[in-house]
Protein backbone atom coordinates (compact mmCIF):
# COMPACT_ATOMS: atom_id res chain seq x y z
CA UNK A 1 123.22 81.73 -64.74
CA UNK A 2 120.52 80.73 -66.97
CA UNK A 3 117.63 83.17 -67.54
CA UNK A 4 114.48 81.79 -65.74
CA UNK A 5 110.75 82.32 -65.85
CA UNK A 6 108.96 82.45 -62.47
CA UNK A 7 105.49 81.19 -61.53
CA UNK A 8 103.65 81.44 -58.37
CA UNK A 9 100.38 79.86 -57.31
CA UNK A 10 98.53 79.87 -54.03
CA UNK A 11 95.60 77.78 -53.04
CA UNK A 12 93.50 77.37 -49.90
CA UNK A 13 93.71 74.03 -48.00
CA UNK A 14 90.30 73.29 -49.49
CA UNK A 15 92.25 72.60 -52.67
CA UNK A 16 90.78 75.41 -54.93
CA UNK A 17 93.36 77.45 -56.80
CA UNK A 18 92.65 81.07 -55.95
CA UNK A 19 95.67 82.63 -57.69
CA UNK A 20 98.27 82.10 -60.38
CA UNK A 21 100.92 84.61 -61.37
CA UNK A 22 103.64 84.27 -64.16
CA UNK A 23 106.66 86.44 -64.10
CA UNK A 24 109.09 87.41 -66.85
CA UNK A 25 112.67 86.47 -67.37
CA UNK A 26 115.10 87.09 -64.69
CA UNK A 27 118.73 86.14 -63.75
CA UNK A 28 120.17 85.05 -60.37
CA UNK A 29 117.87 84.94 -57.30
CA UNK A 30 114.21 84.71 -57.89
CA UNK A 31 112.30 87.13 -55.78
CA UNK A 32 108.48 86.66 -55.34
CA UNK A 33 105.90 88.33 -53.02
CA UNK A 34 102.19 88.22 -52.17
CA UNK A 35 100.05 90.53 -50.44
CA UNK A 36 96.89 88.36 -49.65
CA UNK A 37 95.07 89.27 -52.75
CA UNK A 38 93.88 87.44 -55.78
CA UNK A 39 94.93 88.36 -59.54
CA UNK A 40 92.25 91.13 -59.48
CA UNK A 41 93.47 92.61 -56.26
CA UNK A 42 90.67 91.49 -54.02
CA UNK A 43 91.60 90.27 -50.60
CA UNK A 44 91.43 86.53 -50.14
CA UNK A 45 90.11 84.97 -46.95
CA UNK A 46 92.28 84.67 -43.86
CA UNK A 47 93.44 81.08 -43.42
CA UNK A 48 96.03 78.51 -44.57
CA UNK A 49 97.17 78.67 -48.18
CA UNK A 50 99.48 76.18 -50.00
CA UNK A 51 101.83 77.96 -52.52
CA UNK A 52 103.98 76.34 -55.40
CA UNK A 53 106.66 78.07 -57.25
CA UNK A 54 107.87 76.70 -60.57
CA UNK A 55 110.84 78.15 -62.31
CA UNK A 56 111.56 77.07 -66.02
CA UNK A 57 115.06 77.52 -67.59
CA UNK A 58 114.55 80.23 -70.29
CA UNK A 59 116.88 78.27 -72.73
CA UNK A 60 114.92 75.00 -72.41
CA UNK A 61 117.55 73.03 -70.93
CA UNK A 62 116.70 70.98 -68.01
CA UNK A 63 113.44 70.48 -65.88
CA UNK A 64 111.63 73.25 -64.10
CA UNK A 65 112.71 73.67 -60.50
CA UNK A 66 109.74 73.68 -57.97
CA UNK A 67 109.32 74.61 -54.37
CA UNK A 68 106.26 74.55 -52.30
CA UNK A 69 105.12 75.37 -48.78
CA UNK A 70 102.27 76.65 -46.70
CA UNK A 71 101.56 80.20 -45.50
CA UNK A 72 98.92 81.57 -43.06
CA UNK A 73 97.29 84.78 -44.29
CA UNK A 74 96.04 87.24 -41.60
CA UNK A 75 94.67 90.78 -42.03
CA UNK A 76 92.79 90.16 -45.24
CA UNK A 77 89.19 89.28 -45.72
CA UNK A 78 87.70 87.60 -42.36
CA UNK A 79 86.76 83.96 -42.47
CA UNK A 80 83.03 82.97 -41.80
CA UNK A 81 82.01 83.33 -38.24
CA UNK A 82 85.57 84.36 -37.05
CA UNK A 83 84.49 86.90 -34.45
CA UNK A 84 87.46 86.87 -32.06
CA UNK A 85 91.08 85.82 -32.26
CA UNK A 86 92.40 88.57 -34.60
CA UNK A 87 91.82 86.69 -37.84
CA UNK A 88 92.70 83.11 -37.04
CA UNK A 89 90.17 82.05 -39.58
CA UNK A 90 88.33 79.67 -37.03
CA UNK A 91 84.81 79.80 -36.51
CA UNK A 92 83.37 81.09 -33.16
CA UNK A 93 80.03 80.87 -31.40
CA UNK A 94 78.13 83.69 -29.39
CA UNK A 95 75.85 82.69 -26.37
CA UNK A 96 73.22 84.84 -24.90
CA UNK A 97 72.34 84.10 -21.46
CA UNK A 98 68.89 84.46 -19.69
CA UNK A 99 70.27 87.52 -17.91
CA UNK A 100 71.35 89.41 -21.04
CA UNK A 101 74.95 88.43 -21.14
CA UNK A 102 76.44 88.07 -24.72
CA UNK A 103 79.67 86.12 -24.71
CA UNK A 104 82.00 84.77 -27.30
CA UNK A 105 83.18 81.17 -27.37
CA UNK A 106 86.38 80.98 -29.56
CA UNK A 107 87.00 78.12 -31.92
CA UNK A 108 90.06 76.22 -30.97
CA UNK A 109 90.82 74.42 -34.22
CA UNK A 110 89.90 71.14 -32.93
CA UNK A 111 86.20 71.20 -33.21
CA UNK A 112 85.64 72.54 -29.66
CA UNK A 113 85.25 75.98 -28.16
CA UNK A 114 86.93 77.92 -25.23
CA UNK A 115 85.13 79.17 -22.24
CA UNK A 116 83.43 82.61 -22.31
CA UNK A 117 85.55 85.44 -23.52
CA UNK A 118 84.69 89.01 -24.39
CA UNK A 119 81.31 88.86 -22.63
CA UNK A 120 79.19 91.92 -22.07
CA UNK A 121 76.00 92.62 -20.28
CA UNK A 122 73.10 94.74 -20.86
CA UNK A 123 71.59 92.89 -23.73
CA UNK A 124 67.96 92.26 -24.19
CA UNK A 125 67.15 88.53 -24.08
CA UNK A 126 64.75 89.02 -26.99
CA UNK A 127 67.51 90.14 -29.35
CA UNK A 128 68.58 87.94 -32.32
CA UNK A 129 72.23 88.19 -33.16
CA UNK A 130 73.60 87.19 -36.41
CA UNK A 131 77.52 86.91 -37.17
CA UNK A 132 77.02 88.37 -40.59
CA UNK A 133 80.51 88.81 -42.35
CA UNK A 134 82.21 92.16 -43.18
CA UNK A 135 79.52 94.41 -44.28
CA UNK A 136 81.26 97.49 -43.57
CA UNK A 137 84.58 96.75 -45.19
CA UNK A 138 86.95 97.18 -42.38
CA UNK A 139 88.05 93.39 -42.68
CA UNK A 140 86.35 92.52 -39.29
CA UNK A 141 83.09 90.50 -39.20
CA UNK A 142 80.12 92.54 -38.35
CA UNK A 143 77.05 91.53 -36.27
CA UNK A 144 73.43 92.11 -37.17
CA UNK A 145 71.20 92.60 -34.15
CA UNK A 146 67.37 92.65 -34.39
CA UNK A 147 65.66 94.22 -31.37
CA UNK A 148 62.44 93.24 -29.93
CA UNK A 149 60.93 96.40 -31.56
CA UNK A 150 61.83 95.18 -34.90
CA UNK A 151 64.69 97.53 -35.59
CA UNK A 152 67.75 95.82 -37.30
CA UNK A 153 71.40 97.13 -36.60
CA UNK A 154 74.78 96.28 -38.03
CA UNK A 155 77.22 96.44 -35.21
CA UNK A 156 80.96 97.00 -36.03
CA UNK A 157 83.09 95.21 -33.37
CA UNK A 158 86.80 94.88 -33.85
CA UNK A 159 88.45 91.62 -34.86
CA UNK A 160 88.97 90.66 -31.13
CA UNK A 161 85.39 90.17 -30.26
CA UNK A 162 84.53 93.39 -28.41
CA UNK A 163 80.77 93.77 -28.75
CA UNK A 164 78.70 95.83 -26.24
CA UNK A 165 75.49 97.64 -26.51
CA UNK A 166 77.58 100.96 -26.73
CA UNK A 167 79.41 99.38 -29.93
CA UNK A 168 79.07 101.50 -32.93
CA UNK A 169 76.46 100.43 -35.47
CA UNK A 170 74.63 101.35 -38.49
CA UNK A 171 70.79 101.39 -38.45
CA UNK A 172 69.55 99.05 -41.08
CA UNK A 173 65.81 99.81 -40.39
CA UNK A 174 64.10 101.07 -37.44
CA UNK A 175 61.09 98.64 -37.60
CA UNK A 176 59.55 95.79 -39.62
CA UNK A 177 62.09 93.15 -39.17
CA UNK A 178 60.30 91.17 -36.61
CA UNK A 179 57.97 89.97 -39.54
CA UNK A 180 60.65 87.43 -40.01
CA UNK A 181 61.19 84.27 -38.33
CA UNK A 182 64.36 83.36 -40.14
CA UNK A 183 67.27 85.68 -40.57
CA UNK A 184 70.33 83.95 -41.65
CA UNK A 185 73.43 84.55 -43.95
CA UNK A 186 74.91 81.85 -46.20
CA UNK A 187 77.88 84.16 -47.04
CA UNK A 188 78.08 85.82 -50.53
CA UNK A 189 75.47 84.32 -52.89
CA UNK A 190 75.60 87.14 -55.44
CA UNK A 191 79.23 86.88 -56.31
CA UNK A 192 80.29 90.34 -55.33
CA UNK A 193 82.28 89.32 -52.36
CA UNK A 194 79.95 90.81 -49.85
CA UNK A 195 77.73 88.90 -47.42
CA UNK A 196 74.05 88.47 -48.09
CA UNK A 197 71.01 88.17 -45.93
CA UNK A 198 68.13 85.54 -46.32
CA UNK A 199 64.92 86.24 -44.49
CA UNK A 200 61.70 84.28 -44.28
CA UNK A 201 58.29 85.97 -43.48
CA UNK A 202 56.64 84.33 -40.64
CA UNK A 203 53.10 84.60 -41.90
CA UNK A 204 53.42 83.58 -45.50
CA UNK A 205 56.74 81.55 -45.71
CA UNK A 206 57.94 83.83 -48.46
CA UNK A 207 61.89 83.87 -48.64
CA UNK A 208 63.63 87.13 -49.54
CA UNK A 209 67.24 88.01 -50.34
CA UNK A 210 68.88 91.26 -49.17
CA UNK A 211 72.25 91.73 -50.75
CA UNK A 212 75.04 93.43 -48.84
CA UNK A 213 76.21 96.60 -50.47
CA UNK A 214 79.37 98.73 -50.74
CA UNK A 215 77.68 101.35 -48.49
CA UNK A 216 77.62 99.05 -45.59
CA UNK A 217 73.93 98.57 -45.81
CA UNK A 218 71.53 96.08 -47.43
CA UNK A 219 69.75 96.42 -50.86
CA UNK A 220 66.00 96.25 -51.28
CA UNK A 221 64.69 92.81 -50.91
CA UNK A 222 64.23 90.34 -53.64
CA UNK A 223 61.79 87.48 -53.48
CA UNK A 224 63.35 84.09 -53.98
CA UNK A 225 60.74 81.62 -52.91
CA UNK A 226 56.79 81.85 -52.37
CA UNK A 227 56.32 79.46 -49.36
CA UNK A 228 58.83 77.69 -47.27
CA UNK A 229 56.53 77.02 -44.38
CA UNK A 230 57.39 73.30 -44.84
CA UNK A 231 60.70 74.06 -43.40
CA UNK A 232 61.16 74.17 -39.61
CA UNK A 233 64.74 75.43 -39.92
CA UNK A 234 66.53 77.39 -42.64
CA UNK A 235 70.37 77.76 -41.97
CA UNK A 236 73.02 79.90 -43.78
CA UNK A 237 75.69 77.18 -43.96
CA UNK A 238 78.58 79.03 -45.64
CA UNK A 239 80.45 77.58 -48.64
CA UNK A 240 79.81 73.75 -48.52
CA UNK A 241 81.61 72.71 -51.80
CA UNK A 242 84.42 75.06 -52.14
CA UNK A 243 83.34 77.23 -54.96
CA UNK A 244 83.32 80.42 -52.98
CA UNK A 245 79.64 80.89 -53.09
CA UNK A 246 77.48 80.61 -49.90
CA UNK A 247 74.89 77.67 -49.48
CA UNK A 248 71.83 76.97 -47.50
CA UNK A 249 70.52 74.12 -45.44
CA UNK A 250 66.82 73.43 -44.83
CA UNK A 251 65.25 70.97 -42.54
CA UNK A 252 61.49 70.00 -43.23
CA UNK A 253 58.97 68.96 -40.64
CA UNK A 254 59.63 65.22 -41.39
CA UNK A 255 63.29 65.84 -40.44
CA UNK A 256 64.86 65.57 -43.97
CA UNK A 257 67.80 67.81 -44.50
CA UNK A 258 68.32 69.47 -47.84
CA UNK A 259 70.89 71.61 -49.30
CA UNK A 260 70.56 74.49 -51.74
CA UNK A 261 73.84 75.56 -53.40
CA UNK A 262 74.34 79.15 -54.21
CA UNK A 263 74.71 79.86 -57.85
CA UNK A 264 76.62 83.17 -57.59
CA UNK A 265 73.92 85.29 -59.16
CA UNK A 266 71.63 85.68 -56.03
CA UNK A 267 69.80 82.45 -56.56
CA UNK A 268 70.10 78.87 -55.40
CA UNK A 269 70.14 75.59 -57.40
CA UNK A 270 67.40 72.85 -56.81
CA UNK A 271 67.56 71.22 -53.48
CA UNK A 272 69.39 68.04 -52.84
CA UNK A 273 68.62 65.72 -49.95
CA UNK A 274 71.59 65.43 -47.51
CA UNK A 275 70.12 63.29 -44.64
CA UNK A 276 66.92 61.74 -43.52
CA UNK A 277 65.84 61.48 -39.96
CA UNK A 278 68.13 64.31 -39.07
CA UNK A 279 68.05 66.74 -36.02
CA UNK A 280 64.70 65.76 -34.67
CA UNK A 281 65.66 67.04 -31.21
CA UNK A 282 67.75 70.06 -32.37
CA UNK A 283 66.50 73.46 -31.24
CA UNK A 284 69.46 75.37 -32.55
CA UNK A 285 71.57 74.74 -35.66
CA UNK A 286 74.50 77.11 -36.62
CA UNK A 287 76.53 77.16 -39.69
CA UNK A 288 79.68 78.09 -37.68
CA UNK A 289 82.34 77.97 -40.38
CA UNK A 290 85.47 76.10 -40.14
CA UNK A 291 86.09 74.83 -36.52
CA UNK A 292 88.44 72.04 -37.05
CA UNK A 293 91.14 73.86 -39.09
CA UNK A 294 90.67 71.91 -42.41
CA UNK A 295 89.19 74.85 -44.29
CA UNK A 296 85.61 73.34 -44.61
CA UNK A 297 82.47 74.64 -43.34
CA UNK A 298 80.96 72.78 -40.16
CA UNK A 299 77.81 72.59 -38.18
CA UNK A 300 77.06 72.99 -34.61
CA UNK A 301 73.76 72.02 -33.13
CA UNK A 302 72.08 71.97 -29.61
CA UNK A 303 69.46 69.46 -28.63
CA UNK A 304 66.66 69.89 -26.20
CA UNK A 305 68.82 68.22 -23.53
CA UNK A 306 71.41 70.88 -23.88
CA UNK A 307 73.97 68.68 -25.60
CA UNK A 308 76.18 70.56 -28.22
CA UNK A 309 77.24 68.50 -31.20
CA UNK A 310 79.49 69.14 -34.16
CA UNK A 311 79.20 67.68 -37.53
CA UNK A 312 82.32 68.16 -39.76
CA UNK A 313 81.80 69.37 -43.24
CA UNK A 314 83.40 67.09 -45.98
CA UNK A 315 83.63 69.89 -48.62
CA UNK A 316 81.29 68.08 -50.83
CA UNK A 317 78.04 69.29 -49.48
CA UNK A 318 77.62 66.74 -46.82
CA UNK A 319 78.64 66.13 -43.16
CA UNK A 320 80.27 63.50 -41.10
CA UNK A 321 78.57 61.86 -38.15
CA UNK A 322 77.93 64.00 -35.30
CA UNK A 323 80.15 64.27 -32.39
CA UNK A 324 79.19 65.52 -28.96
CA UNK A 325 81.41 68.41 -27.81
CA UNK A 326 79.67 69.95 -24.80
CA UNK A 327 76.81 69.53 -22.30
CA UNK A 328 74.66 71.83 -20.19
CA UNK A 329 74.05 74.31 -22.87
CA UNK A 330 70.22 74.31 -22.15
CA UNK A 331 70.43 77.35 -20.20
CA UNK A 332 71.34 79.70 -23.06
CA UNK A 333 68.62 81.93 -24.45
CA UNK A 334 70.35 82.03 -27.80
CA UNK A 335 73.34 80.45 -29.57
CA UNK A 336 74.45 82.28 -32.70
């Protein structure tokens, strides 16, 4: 048989090429493998990937032979907001009831959520819970919980949504975190592959960045903006344009919605208006990750009447028209 050159390339369903490998010459059967990593050995995010294999005759006679397909990656880096389901790469919601029950709502891949699963009692209703990403490095998404005392903890549930008050955690500070009225994560904005935290001071409107570190904690804060009091909501939205860097959304008091693309160096590009007359009745907006199975970051919002809406991400920094997906959610103290 002719001597062949083998090539292997995988890419996520968003269309971004994440890995290209070139092999040497071989005879007979071509054998290739992939371990869920990029060319530098870093784990890629769980989810669906397209692969293409191109084999070129070494003697230059004949056209290259190609094959392609799709593979589902599990057990690598967890996808945004994937808190339950063992790495299915779909975003999930958490709800906190007025009686202190914290429950997961698993994303079903169709833009909707399951009934309550993995619920636990004994949580203070004043707690703020933030699905944060994998801060501890165990390939399961961690949860930040701010207590009413101002303490901040990083809980380490497993990949199947087991989160109780007794779950192991790392202290990120015993006080002071109640100075912030916004705690949100856009994902990784510094380019190191770790989730980062955005915080806004209630009194001054100053916005800070706390970068995730290899020790499973947060770095010292860095000031990003002097006064964001004009915004009534600041939401970590995940990767809105498929560049692998987290992005922010901000809604001002006139109900204009803006996006801030992460630049990959711990800062954001200038804002761009996404929508006008947006979300005037929303009291909760969550950058929930991909809940439709198309690999794009989506939004979920609750209005004052308790209706739950979904806005599908387009992968271009904008969103499709909202779709009502549930009613009766006004009774929840928190939706995260």
